Amino acid sequence: MQVVLVLLLIVLSVGALVLVYMRLGFSVNRVFARTPLSTVATAEPGVCRLAGRAVALGAAPVSEASGRAYVARRLAIVPSSDGSDGTHRFGQAVDFLVDDGSGIALVKGAGGRVSVSQDYEAPVTTLDKVPWVDVLLRSGGYYNGSPTTCRIRLYEGVVEDGAQVGVRGQVEAPDDEARALGASVVIRGTASDPVMIRAERREPAAS
């Protein structure tokens, strides 16, 4: 009887986790699919999805791993000492513009959720050689007491300045900063619904 109760508890716990996962929308692509595509010119207050060309605000940050400038990136970091310590994923983004041809939107990217193919694999190293990785891992709750022996595998994907990008978030009227940048709307996230950013395929030119 106790075994049955334990198994039932496990099943219920897993089911609850799956439900939370779905409700929080951890799949960026799934959330994008549920949100109709709009344009900057037709965007109204509320949740909106846009697609266009990413335009950096000034000098874009440069990846410590690949040396590429980006407006958003996705990292997968795999630390291991005696065995695998799991994969730790991080999305990072800065404020940038999206130009879709109908107008310009200012995207408040900080704290956003990022989806992009990880097309770069860094050479394997140890944690003491990549202190910026140590900082990221600690921010996510991971700590390793032997950085000289903790091997690090790292994979990265970026949305570069000028790349096609999709964004989803709350539409707001432009503030002074946005107007100064030529943007007619602002896209940002909320505490419960962060802005989402993903790389989009560039459509081939018509022949």
N, C-alpha and C. Protein backbone atom coordinates (compact mmCIF):
# COMPACT_ATOMS: atom_id res chain seq x y z
N MET A 1 0.84 -1.21 0.00
CA MET A 1 0.00 0.00 0.00
C MET A 1 0.87 1.25 0.00
N GLN A 2 1.92 1.23 0.83
CA GLN A 2 2.80 2.40 0.89
C GLN A 2 3.50 2.63 -0.45
N VAL A 3 3.89 1.53 -1.11
CA VAL A 3 4.54 1.67 -2.43
C VAL A 3 3.60 2.32 -3.42
N VAL A 4 2.33 1.90 -3.40
CA VAL A 4 1.34 2.48 -4.31
C VAL A 4 1.17 3.97 -4.05
N LEU A 5 1.13 4.34 -2.77
CA LEU A 5 0.98 5.76 -2.42
C LEU A 5 2.18 6.58 -2.87
N VAL A 6 3.38 6.01 -2.71
CA VAL A 6 4.58 6.70 -3.15
C VAL A 6 4.57 6.90 -4.66
N LEU A 7 4.20 5.84 -5.40
CA LEU A 7 4.14 5.94 -6.87
C LEU A 7 3.09 6.97 -7.30
N LEU A 8 1.95 6.98 -6.60
CA LEU A 8 0.91 7.95 -6.92
C LEU A 8 1.39 9.36 -6.68
N LEU A 9 2.12 9.56 -5.57
CA LEU A 9 2.66 10.88 -5.26
C LEU A 9 3.65 11.34 -6.32
N ILE A 10 4.48 10.41 -6.80
CA ILE A 10 5.45 10.74 -7.85
C ILE A 10 4.73 11.15 -9.12
N VAL A 11 3.71 10.38 -9.50
CA VAL A 11 2.95 10.68 -10.72
C VAL A 11 2.30 12.05 -10.63
N LEU A 12 1.69 12.34 -9.47
CA LEU A 12 1.04 13.63 -9.27
C LEU A 12 2.05 14.77 -9.32
N SER A 13 3.22 14.54 -8.73
CA SER A 13 4.25 15.58 -8.72
C SER A 13 4.75 15.87 -10.13
N VAL A 14 4.99 14.80 -10.88
CA VAL A 14 5.44 14.99 -12.27
C VAL A 14 4.36 15.71 -13.08
N GLY A 15 3.11 15.30 -12.87
CA GLY A 15 2.02 15.96 -13.58
C GLY A 15 1.92 17.43 -13.25
N ALA A 16 2.13 17.77 -11.98
CA ALA A 16 2.08 19.17 -11.57
C ALA A 16 3.20 19.96 -12.20
N LEU A 17 4.38 19.35 -12.28
CA LEU A 17 5.52 20.04 -12.89
C LEU A 17 5.26 20.28 -14.37
N VAL A 18 4.70 19.28 -15.04
CA VAL A 18 4.39 19.45 -16.47
C VAL A 18 3.36 20.55 -16.66
N LEU A 19 2.36 20.60 -15.80
CA LEU A 19 1.33 21.64 -15.89
C LEU A 19 1.92 23.02 -15.69
N VAL A 20 2.78 23.16 -14.68
CA VAL A 20 3.45 24.44 -14.44
C VAL A 20 4.29 24.82 -15.65
N TYR A 21 5.01 23.85 -16.19
CA TYR A 21 5.86 24.09 -17.36
C TYR A 21 5.04 24.64 -18.52
N MET A 22 3.87 24.01 -18.74
CA MET A 22 3.03 24.46 -19.86
C MET A 22 2.43 25.83 -19.59
N ARG A 23 1.97 26.06 -18.36
CA ARG A 23 1.33 27.34 -18.04
C ARG A 23 2.31 28.49 -18.12
N LEU A 24 3.55 28.25 -17.70
CA LEU A 24 4.54 29.32 -17.73
C LEU A 24 5.09 29.55 -19.13
N GLY A 25 4.75 28.66 -20.06
CA GLY A 25 5.14 28.88 -21.44
C GLY A 25 6.63 28.83 -21.67
N PHE A 26 7.30 27.81 -21.12
CA PHE A 26 8.74 27.75 -21.28
C PHE A 26 9.16 27.48 -22.72
N SER A 27 8.25 26.96 -23.54
CA SER A 27 8.56 26.78 -24.95
C SER A 27 8.27 28.06 -25.69
N VAL A 28 9.32 28.79 -26.04
CA VAL A 28 9.14 30.06 -26.75
C VAL A 28 8.41 29.83 -28.07
N ASN A 29 8.80 28.79 -28.81
CA ASN A 29 8.17 28.55 -30.10
C ASN A 29 6.68 28.25 -29.97
N ARG A 30 6.31 27.53 -28.89
CA ARG A 30 4.89 27.24 -28.68
C ARG A 30 4.12 28.52 -28.41
N VAL A 31 4.68 29.39 -27.60
CA VAL A 31 4.00 30.66 -27.30
C VAL A 31 3.90 31.52 -28.56
N PHE A 32 4.97 31.55 -29.36
CA PHE A 32 4.92 32.30 -30.61
C PHE A 32 3.81 31.79 -31.51
N ALA A 33 3.66 30.47 -31.58
CA ALA A 33 2.65 29.88 -32.46
C ALA A 33 1.23 30.27 -32.04
N ARG A 34 1.06 30.54 -30.74
CA ARG A 34 -0.26 30.92 -30.24
C ARG A 34 -0.55 32.41 -30.39
N THR A 35 0.46 33.19 -30.79
CA THR A 35 0.30 34.64 -30.87
C THR A 35 0.34 35.08 -32.32
N PRO A 36 -0.74 35.65 -32.86
CA PRO A 36 -0.75 36.07 -34.26
C PRO A 36 0.33 37.12 -34.53
N LEU A 37 0.90 37.06 -35.72
CA LEU A 37 1.91 38.02 -36.12
C LEU A 37 1.27 39.36 -36.47
N SER A 38 1.83 40.44 -35.94
CA SER A 38 1.36 41.79 -36.23
C SER A 38 2.49 42.58 -36.90
N THR A 39 2.22 43.81 -37.20
CA THR A 39 3.25 44.73 -37.68
C THR A 39 3.34 45.89 -36.72
N VAL A 40 4.45 46.61 -36.79
CA VAL A 40 4.60 47.78 -35.93
C VAL A 40 3.47 48.78 -36.20
N ALA A 41 3.13 48.94 -37.47
CA ALA A 41 2.11 49.94 -37.84
C ALA A 41 0.73 49.60 -37.29
N THR A 42 0.44 48.30 -37.11
CA THR A 42 -0.90 47.90 -36.66
C THR A 42 -0.92 47.45 -35.19
N ALA A 43 0.23 47.46 -34.53
CA ALA A 43 0.31 46.98 -33.15
C ALA A 43 -0.52 47.86 -32.22
N GLU A 44 -1.31 47.22 -31.37
CA GLU A 44 -2.13 47.92 -30.39
C GLU A 44 -1.75 47.48 -28.99
N PRO A 45 -2.08 48.27 -27.96
CA PRO A 45 -1.75 47.88 -26.58
C PRO A 45 -2.23 46.47 -26.26
N GLY A 46 -1.39 45.71 -25.59
CA GLY A 46 -1.68 44.31 -25.31
C GLY A 46 -0.51 43.46 -25.74
N VAL A 47 -0.71 42.16 -25.79
CA VAL A 47 0.35 41.25 -26.21
C VAL A 47 0.43 41.23 -27.73
N CYS A 48 1.66 41.29 -28.24
CA CYS A 48 1.86 41.39 -29.67
C CYS A 48 3.11 40.61 -30.07
N ARG A 49 3.10 40.08 -31.30
CA ARG A 49 4.29 39.42 -31.85
C ARG A 49 4.69 40.14 -33.13
N LEU A 50 5.98 40.47 -33.23
CA LEU A 50 6.52 41.17 -34.39
C LEU A 50 7.69 40.38 -34.96
N ALA A 51 8.00 40.63 -36.21
CA ALA A 51 9.17 40.03 -36.85
C ALA A 51 9.79 41.06 -37.77
N GLY A 52 11.12 41.16 -37.73
CA GLY A 52 11.80 42.13 -38.58
C GLY A 52 13.30 42.06 -38.39
N ARG A 53 13.96 43.11 -38.76
CA ARG A 53 15.42 43.17 -38.67
C ARG A 53 15.84 43.75 -37.33
N ALA A 54 16.75 43.06 -36.64
CA ALA A 54 17.27 43.55 -35.36
C ALA A 54 18.29 44.66 -35.61
N VAL A 55 18.17 45.72 -34.86
CA VAL A 55 19.09 46.86 -34.99
C VAL A 55 19.64 47.17 -33.59
N ALA A 56 20.94 47.05 -33.44
CA ALA A 56 21.56 47.29 -32.14
C ALA A 56 21.52 48.77 -31.79
N LEU A 57 21.47 49.06 -30.50
CA LEU A 57 21.55 50.44 -30.01
C LEU A 57 23.01 50.71 -29.66
N GLY A 58 23.72 51.34 -30.55
CA GLY A 58 25.14 51.58 -30.30
C GLY A 58 25.93 50.30 -30.48
N ALA A 59 26.99 50.15 -29.69
CA ALA A 59 27.84 48.98 -29.78
C ALA A 59 27.17 47.81 -29.06
N ALA A 60 26.94 46.72 -29.79
CA ALA A 60 26.32 45.54 -29.19
C ALA A 60 27.34 44.80 -28.32
N PRO A 61 26.90 44.12 -27.27
CA PRO A 61 27.83 43.34 -26.46
C PRO A 61 28.47 42.24 -27.29
N VAL A 62 29.67 41.85 -26.91
CA VAL A 62 30.43 40.82 -27.64
C VAL A 62 30.55 39.58 -26.77
N SER A 63 30.27 38.44 -27.35
CA SER A 63 30.33 37.18 -26.61
C SER A 63 31.75 36.87 -26.16
N GLU A 64 31.89 36.51 -24.88
CA GLU A 64 33.18 36.09 -24.36
C GLU A 64 33.60 34.75 -24.94
N ALA A 65 32.63 33.98 -25.43
CA ALA A 65 32.91 32.65 -25.95
C ALA A 65 33.29 32.67 -27.43
N SER A 66 32.42 33.22 -28.26
CA SER A 66 32.61 33.14 -29.72
C SER A 66 33.15 34.42 -30.34
N GLY A 67 33.16 35.52 -29.58
CA GLY A 67 33.63 36.79 -30.13
C GLY A 67 32.62 37.47 -31.03
N ARG A 68 31.37 36.98 -31.05
CA ARG A 68 30.35 37.57 -31.91
C ARG A 68 29.57 38.64 -31.15
N ALA A 69 29.25 39.73 -31.84
CA ALA A 69 28.38 40.75 -31.26
C ALA A 69 26.94 40.25 -31.35
N TYR A 70 26.14 40.60 -30.35
CA TYR A 70 24.77 40.08 -30.32
C TYR A 70 23.83 41.07 -29.64
N VAL A 71 22.54 40.93 -29.95
CA VAL A 71 21.51 41.63 -29.19
C VAL A 71 20.79 40.66 -28.26
N ALA A 72 20.89 39.36 -28.58
CA ALA A 72 20.34 38.32 -27.70
C ALA A 72 21.14 37.05 -27.93
N ARG A 73 21.27 36.25 -26.89
CA ARG A 73 21.97 34.97 -27.04
C ARG A 73 21.41 33.94 -26.08
N ARG A 74 21.70 32.67 -26.43
CA ARG A 74 21.30 31.54 -25.61
C ARG A 74 22.53 30.69 -25.36
N LEU A 75 22.78 30.37 -24.09
CA LEU A 75 23.93 29.58 -23.70
C LEU A 75 23.48 28.27 -23.06
N ALA A 76 24.19 27.20 -23.36
CA ALA A 76 24.03 25.94 -22.66
C ALA A 76 25.40 25.58 -22.09
N ILE A 77 25.50 25.50 -20.78
CA ILE A 77 26.77 25.25 -20.10
C ILE A 77 26.68 23.92 -19.37
N VAL A 78 27.64 23.05 -19.65
CA VAL A 78 27.66 21.72 -19.04
C VAL A 78 28.92 21.58 -18.19
N PRO A 79 28.82 21.78 -16.88
CA PRO A 79 29.98 21.59 -15.99
C PRO A 79 30.05 20.14 -15.53
N SER A 80 31.25 19.63 -15.35
CA SER A 80 31.38 18.27 -14.83
C SER A 80 32.70 18.13 -14.09
N SER A 81 32.63 17.46 -12.95
CA SER A 81 33.82 17.15 -12.16
C SER A 81 34.00 15.64 -12.19
N ASP A 82 33.46 14.94 -11.19
CA ASP A 82 33.53 13.48 -11.19
C ASP A 82 32.50 12.88 -12.15
N GLY A 83 31.45 13.61 -12.41
CA GLY A 83 30.40 13.14 -13.32
C GLY A 83 29.66 14.33 -13.87
N SER A 84 28.62 14.07 -14.63
CA SER A 84 27.87 15.16 -15.23
C SER A 84 27.09 15.92 -14.16
N ASP A 85 27.14 17.22 -14.22
CA ASP A 85 26.39 18.07 -13.29
C ASP A 85 25.18 18.71 -13.97
N GLY A 86 24.79 18.17 -15.11
CA GLY A 86 23.62 18.67 -15.80
C GLY A 86 23.92 19.84 -16.72
N THR A 87 22.93 20.22 -17.50
CA THR A 87 23.06 21.34 -18.42
C THR A 87 22.36 22.56 -17.84
N HIS A 88 23.07 23.67 -17.83
CA HIS A 88 22.53 24.93 -17.30
C HIS A 88 22.34 25.89 -18.46
N ARG A 89 21.12 26.39 -18.62
CA ARG A 89 20.80 27.22 -19.79
C ARG A 89 20.54 28.67 -19.35
N PHE A 90 21.02 29.58 -20.17
CA PHE A 90 20.87 31.00 -19.87
C PHE A 90 20.50 31.75 -21.15
N GLY A 91 19.51 32.62 -21.04
CA GLY A 91 19.17 33.53 -22.13
C GLY A 91 19.54 34.94 -21.71
N GLN A 92 20.17 35.68 -22.60
CA GLN A 92 20.56 37.05 -22.30
C GLN A 92 20.20 37.95 -23.47
N ALA A 93 19.75 39.14 -23.17
CA ALA A 93 19.40 40.09 -24.23
C ALA A 93 19.57 41.51 -23.73
N VAL A 94 19.78 42.41 -24.66
CA VAL A 94 19.86 43.84 -24.37
C VAL A 94 18.73 44.54 -25.10
N ASP A 95 18.53 45.81 -24.84
CA ASP A 95 17.54 46.59 -25.58
C ASP A 95 18.00 46.75 -27.02
N PHE A 96 17.07 46.62 -27.95
CA PHE A 96 17.40 46.79 -29.36
C PHE A 96 16.14 47.20 -30.12
N LEU A 97 16.31 47.53 -31.37
CA LEU A 97 15.18 47.92 -32.23
C LEU A 97 14.82 46.79 -33.18
N VAL A 98 13.55 46.75 -33.55
CA VAL A 98 13.07 45.86 -34.61
C VAL A 98 12.43 46.72 -35.69
N ASP A 99 12.94 46.58 -36.91
CA ASP A 99 12.41 47.30 -38.06
C ASP A 99 11.74 46.29 -38.98
N ASP A 100 10.43 46.36 -39.11
CA ASP A 100 9.72 45.39 -39.95
C ASP A 100 9.24 45.98 -41.27
N GLY A 101 9.73 47.18 -41.59
CA GLY A 101 9.33 47.81 -42.84
C GLY A 101 8.13 48.72 -42.70
N SER A 102 7.27 48.45 -41.71
CA SER A 102 6.11 49.31 -41.49
C SER A 102 6.39 50.33 -40.39
N GLY A 103 7.45 50.12 -39.64
CA GLY A 103 7.80 51.00 -38.54
C GLY A 103 8.88 50.36 -37.68
N ILE A 104 9.21 51.02 -36.59
CA ILE A 104 10.29 50.57 -35.71
C ILE A 104 9.75 50.41 -34.29
N ALA A 105 10.12 49.30 -33.65
CA ALA A 105 9.75 49.05 -32.25
C ALA A 105 11.01 49.00 -31.40
N LEU A 106 10.93 49.58 -30.22
CA LEU A 106 12.01 49.46 -29.24
C LEU A 106 11.70 48.27 -28.35
N VAL A 107 12.60 47.28 -28.35
CA VAL A 107 12.41 46.08 -27.55
C VAL A 107 13.24 46.20 -26.27
N LYS A 108 12.59 46.09 -25.13
CA LYS A 108 13.28 46.11 -23.85
C LYS A 108 13.65 44.66 -23.54
N GLY A 109 14.86 44.29 -23.93
CA GLY A 109 15.24 42.89 -23.94
C GLY A 109 15.72 42.32 -22.62
N ALA A 110 16.15 43.16 -21.69
CA ALA A 110 16.71 42.66 -20.43
C ALA A 110 15.73 41.74 -19.72
N GLY A 111 16.21 40.56 -19.30
CA GLY A 111 15.35 39.60 -18.62
C GLY A 111 14.49 38.79 -19.55
N GLY A 112 14.69 38.94 -20.86
CA GLY A 112 13.87 38.23 -21.83
C GLY A 112 14.22 36.76 -21.94
N ARG A 113 13.32 35.99 -22.49
CA ARG A 113 13.53 34.56 -22.76
C ARG A 113 13.94 34.43 -24.22
N VAL A 114 15.02 33.72 -24.50
CA VAL A 114 15.62 33.69 -25.83
C VAL A 114 15.60 32.28 -26.41
N SER A 115 15.24 32.18 -27.68
CA SER A 115 15.29 30.91 -28.40
C SER A 115 16.09 31.11 -29.69
N VAL A 116 17.20 30.40 -29.80
CA VAL A 116 18.05 30.49 -30.99
C VAL A 116 18.87 29.22 -31.08
N SER A 117 19.10 28.72 -32.28
CA SER A 117 19.90 27.50 -32.45
C SER A 117 21.32 27.74 -31.95
N GLN A 118 21.82 26.80 -31.19
CA GLN A 118 23.18 26.92 -30.65
C GLN A 118 24.15 26.34 -31.67
N ASP A 119 24.73 27.25 -32.47
CA ASP A 119 25.58 26.84 -33.59
C ASP A 119 27.07 26.97 -33.30
N TYR A 120 27.41 27.27 -32.06
CA TYR A 120 28.82 27.43 -31.70
C TYR A 120 29.13 26.54 -30.49
N GLU A 121 30.21 25.79 -30.58
CA GLU A 121 30.69 24.97 -29.46
C GLU A 121 32.08 25.44 -29.08
N ALA A 122 32.25 25.89 -27.85
CA ALA A 122 33.55 26.39 -27.39
C ALA A 122 34.48 25.23 -27.07
N PRO A 123 35.79 25.44 -27.18
CA PRO A 123 36.74 24.41 -26.76
C PRO A 123 36.53 24.08 -25.29
N VAL A 124 36.66 22.80 -24.94
CA VAL A 124 36.50 22.38 -23.55
C VAL A 124 37.59 23.02 -22.70
N THR A 125 37.20 23.54 -21.55
CA THR A 125 38.16 24.18 -20.66
C THR A 125 37.78 23.86 -19.22
N THR A 126 38.43 24.51 -18.27
CA THR A 126 38.07 24.33 -16.87
C THR A 126 37.48 25.62 -16.33
N LEU A 127 36.72 25.51 -15.27
CA LEU A 127 35.95 26.63 -14.75
C LEU A 127 36.83 27.80 -14.34
N ASP A 128 38.03 27.53 -13.84
CA ASP A 128 38.90 28.63 -13.42
C ASP A 128 39.38 29.47 -14.59
N LYS A 129 39.32 28.93 -15.81
CA LYS A 129 39.77 29.67 -17.00
C LYS A 129 38.68 30.56 -17.60
N VAL A 130 37.45 30.37 -17.14
CA VAL A 130 36.32 31.15 -17.68
C VAL A 130 35.52 31.73 -16.50
N PRO A 131 36.07 32.72 -15.81
CA PRO A 131 35.39 33.27 -14.63
C PRO A 131 33.99 33.81 -14.93
N TRP A 132 33.76 34.29 -16.14
CA TRP A 132 32.43 34.80 -16.48
C TRP A 132 31.39 33.67 -16.47
N VAL A 133 31.82 32.45 -16.81
CA VAL A 133 30.94 31.30 -16.74
C VAL A 133 30.63 30.97 -15.28
N ASP A 134 31.64 31.07 -14.43
CA ASP A 134 31.45 30.84 -13.00
C ASP A 134 30.39 31.78 -12.44
N VAL A 135 30.46 33.05 -12.84
CA VAL A 135 29.48 34.04 -12.38
C VAL A 135 28.07 33.64 -12.82
N LEU A 136 27.93 33.22 -14.09
CA LEU A 136 26.62 32.80 -14.59
C LEU A 136 26.09 31.59 -13.83
N LEU A 137 26.94 30.59 -13.66
CA LEU A 137 26.51 29.40 -12.96
C LEU A 137 26.08 29.70 -11.53
N ARG A 138 26.84 30.55 -10.84
CA ARG A 138 26.48 30.91 -9.48
C ARG A 138 25.14 31.64 -9.44
N SER A 139 24.89 32.47 -10.46
CA SER A 139 23.61 33.19 -10.51
C SER A 139 22.44 32.23 -10.65
N GLY A 140 22.72 31.06 -11.23
CA GLY A 140 21.68 30.06 -11.38
C GLY A 140 21.64 29.05 -10.26
N GLY A 141 22.47 29.27 -9.21
CA GLY A 141 22.43 28.41 -8.05
C GLY A 141 23.45 27.28 -8.05
N TYR A 142 24.31 27.22 -9.09
CA TYR A 142 25.31 26.15 -9.15
C TYR A 142 26.63 26.66 -8.57
N TYR A 143 27.27 25.80 -7.78
CA TYR A 143 28.57 26.15 -7.22
C TYR A 143 29.47 24.93 -7.28
N ASN A 144 30.72 25.12 -7.70
CA ASN A 144 31.69 24.05 -7.74
C ASN A 144 32.91 24.46 -6.93
N GLY A 145 33.29 23.61 -5.96
CA GLY A 145 34.39 23.95 -5.08
C GLY A 145 35.76 23.64 -5.63
N SER A 146 35.80 23.03 -6.83
CA SER A 146 37.09 22.68 -7.44
C SER A 146 37.15 23.20 -8.88
N PRO A 147 37.22 24.53 -9.06
CA PRO A 147 37.17 25.11 -10.41
C PRO A 147 38.30 24.66 -11.32
N THR A 148 39.45 24.26 -10.75
CA THR A 148 40.57 23.85 -11.61
C THR A 148 40.36 22.47 -12.21
N THR A 149 39.46 21.69 -11.63
CA THR A 149 39.20 20.35 -12.17
C THR A 149 37.80 20.23 -12.77
N CYS A 150 36.99 21.26 -12.62
CA CYS A 150 35.63 21.24 -13.18
C CYS A 150 35.71 21.58 -14.67
N ARG A 151 35.44 20.59 -15.51
CA ARG A 151 35.50 20.80 -16.96
C ARG A 151 34.22 21.46 -17.45
N ILE A 152 34.39 22.37 -18.39
CA ILE A 152 33.26 23.14 -18.91
C ILE A 152 33.10 22.91 -20.40
N ARG A 153 31.91 22.47 -20.78
CA ARG A 153 31.51 22.45 -22.19
C ARG A 153 30.45 23.53 -22.39
N LEU A 154 30.58 24.30 -23.44
CA LEU A 154 29.70 25.45 -23.63
C LEU A 154 29.23 25.54 -25.08
N TYR A 155 27.94 25.78 -25.24
CA TYR A 155 27.32 25.92 -26.56
C TYR A 155 26.57 27.25 -26.59
N GLU A 156 26.60 27.91 -27.74
CA GLU A 156 26.02 29.25 -27.82
C GLU A 156 25.33 29.48 -29.17
N GLY A 157 24.25 30.22 -29.11
CA GLY A 157 23.60 30.74 -30.29
C GLY A 157 23.31 32.21 -30.08
N VAL A 158 23.42 33.02 -31.12
CA VAL A 158 23.22 34.46 -30.96
C VAL A 158 22.28 35.01 -32.03
N VAL A 159 21.62 36.10 -31.68
CA VAL A 159 20.92 36.94 -32.65
C VAL A 159 21.80 38.16 -32.87
N GLU A 160 22.36 38.26 -34.06
CA GLU A 160 23.31 39.33 -34.34
C GLU A 160 22.60 40.59 -34.83
N ASP A 161 23.30 41.68 -34.74
CA ASP A 161 22.81 42.95 -35.28
C ASP A 161 22.54 42.77 -36.77
N GLY A 162 21.35 43.12 -37.21
CA GLY A 162 20.98 42.99 -38.62
C GLY A 162 20.30 41.69 -38.97
N ALA A 163 20.25 40.74 -38.02
CA ALA A 163 19.61 39.45 -38.29
C ALA A 163 18.09 39.57 -38.20
N GLN A 164 17.40 38.61 -38.81
CA GLN A 164 15.95 38.55 -38.68
C GLN A 164 15.60 38.01 -37.29
N VAL A 165 14.67 38.67 -36.65
CA VAL A 165 14.33 38.33 -35.27
C VAL A 165 12.83 38.43 -35.06
N GLY A 166 12.32 37.59 -34.18
CA GLY A 166 10.93 37.68 -33.77
C GLY A 166 10.87 38.07 -32.31
N VAL A 167 9.91 38.89 -31.94
CA VAL A 167 9.75 39.30 -30.54
C VAL A 167 8.27 39.20 -30.17
N ARG A 168 8.04 38.91 -28.90
CA ARG A 168 6.68 38.87 -28.37
C ARG A 168 6.69 39.50 -27.00
N GLY A 169 5.74 40.41 -26.78
CA GLY A 169 5.67 41.07 -25.49
C GLY A 169 4.52 42.05 -25.44
N GLN A 170 4.51 42.84 -24.37
CA GLN A 170 3.47 43.83 -24.18
C GLN A 170 3.78 45.09 -24.99
N VAL A 171 2.80 45.55 -25.73
CA VAL A 171 2.94 46.77 -26.53
C VAL A 171 2.59 47.98 -25.67
N GLU A 172 3.46 48.97 -25.72
CA GLU A 172 3.21 50.23 -25.01
C GLU A 172 3.45 51.40 -25.95
N ALA A 173 2.87 52.53 -25.61
CA ALA A 173 3.12 53.75 -26.37
C ALA A 173 4.57 54.17 -26.20
N PRO A 174 5.14 54.83 -27.18
CA PRO A 174 6.55 55.23 -27.09
C PRO A 174 6.78 56.28 -26.01
N ASP A 175 7.88 56.13 -25.28
CA ASP A 175 8.30 57.16 -24.35
C ASP A 175 9.32 58.06 -25.04
N ASP A 176 9.91 58.98 -24.32
CA ASP A 176 10.86 59.91 -24.93
C ASP A 176 12.05 59.18 -25.54
N GLU A 177 12.54 58.15 -24.85
CA GLU A 177 13.67 57.39 -25.37
C GLU A 177 13.32 56.74 -26.71
N ALA A 178 12.14 56.11 -26.76
CA ALA A 178 11.73 55.44 -27.98
C ALA A 178 11.57 56.42 -29.13
N ARG A 179 10.93 57.54 -28.85
CA ARG A 179 10.72 58.53 -29.91
C ARG A 179 12.06 59.06 -30.43
N ALA A 180 13.02 59.25 -29.53
CA ALA A 180 14.34 59.73 -29.95
C ALA A 180 15.04 58.72 -30.87
N LEU A 181 14.68 57.45 -30.72
CA LEU A 181 15.28 56.39 -31.54
C LEU A 181 14.47 56.10 -32.80
N GLY A 182 13.38 56.84 -32.97
CA GLY A 182 12.53 56.65 -34.15
C GLY A 182 11.52 55.54 -34.01
N ALA A 183 11.32 55.04 -32.78
CA ALA A 183 10.39 53.94 -32.55
C ALA A 183 8.99 54.47 -32.25
N SER A 184 8.00 53.79 -32.80
CA SER A 184 6.61 54.22 -32.59
C SER A 184 5.90 53.38 -31.53
N VAL A 185 6.52 52.25 -31.12
CA VAL A 185 5.98 51.44 -30.02
C VAL A 185 7.14 50.89 -29.21
N VAL A 186 6.81 50.46 -27.99
CA VAL A 186 7.77 49.78 -27.11
C VAL A 186 7.23 48.39 -26.83
N ILE A 187 8.11 47.39 -26.90
CA ILE A 187 7.75 46.02 -26.56
C ILE A 187 8.54 45.63 -25.31
N ARG A 188 7.85 45.22 -24.26
CA ARG A 188 8.52 44.83 -23.04
C ARG A 188 7.80 43.66 -22.40
N GLY A 189 8.44 43.02 -21.42
CA GLY A 189 7.82 41.94 -20.67
C GLY A 189 7.30 42.43 -19.34
N THR A 190 6.62 41.53 -18.65
CA THR A 190 6.15 41.80 -17.30
C THR A 190 6.76 40.75 -16.37
N ALA A 191 6.50 40.89 -15.09
CA ALA A 191 7.05 39.94 -14.12
C ALA A 191 6.56 38.52 -14.39
N SER A 192 5.33 38.38 -14.86
CA SER A 192 4.76 37.05 -15.10
C SER A 192 4.83 36.62 -16.56
N ASP A 193 5.15 37.54 -17.46
CA ASP A 193 5.16 37.22 -18.88
C ASP A 193 6.32 37.96 -19.55
N PRO A 194 7.53 37.42 -19.44
CA PRO A 194 8.70 38.13 -19.98
C PRO A 194 8.66 38.27 -21.50
N VAL A 195 9.36 39.27 -22.00
CA VAL A 195 9.47 39.42 -23.44
C VAL A 195 10.18 38.19 -23.99
N MET A 196 9.76 37.75 -25.16
CA MET A 196 10.36 36.57 -25.79
C MET A 196 11.01 36.97 -27.11
N ILE A 197 12.17 36.39 -27.34
CA ILE A 197 12.98 36.76 -28.51
C ILE A 197 13.45 35.47 -29.17
N ARG A 198 13.31 35.38 -30.47
CA ARG A 198 13.83 34.21 -31.16
C ARG A 198 14.39 34.60 -32.52
N ALA A 199 15.35 33.82 -32.99
CA ALA A 199 15.90 34.02 -34.31
C ALA A 199 14.88 33.57 -35.35
N GLU A 200 14.75 34.34 -36.41
CA GLU A 200 13.84 34.00 -37.50
C GLU A 200 14.63 33.72 -38.75
N ARG A 201 14.12 32.83 -39.57
CA ARG A 201 14.76 32.56 -40.84
C ARG A 201 14.51 33.72 -41.80
N ARG A 202 15.54 34.10 -42.50
CA ARG A 202 15.40 35.15 -43.51
C ARG A 202 14.77 34.54 -44.75
N GLU A 203 13.65 35.11 -45.18
CA GLU A 203 12.96 34.59 -46.36
C GLU A 203 13.80 34.85 -47.62
N PRO A 204 13.92 33.84 -48.51
CA PRO A 204 14.68 34.05 -49.74
C PRO A 204 14.05 35.08 -50.64
N ALA A 205 14.88 35.86 -51.31
CA ALA A 205 14.36 36.89 -52.22
C ALA A 205 13.64 36.24 -53.40
N ALA A 206 12.58 36.87 -53.83
CA ALA A 206 11.81 36.34 -54.97
C ALA A 206 12.64 36.47 -56.24
N SER A 207 12.60 35.43 -57.06
CA SER A 207 13.38 35.44 -58.30
C SER A 207 12.59 36.10 -59.42
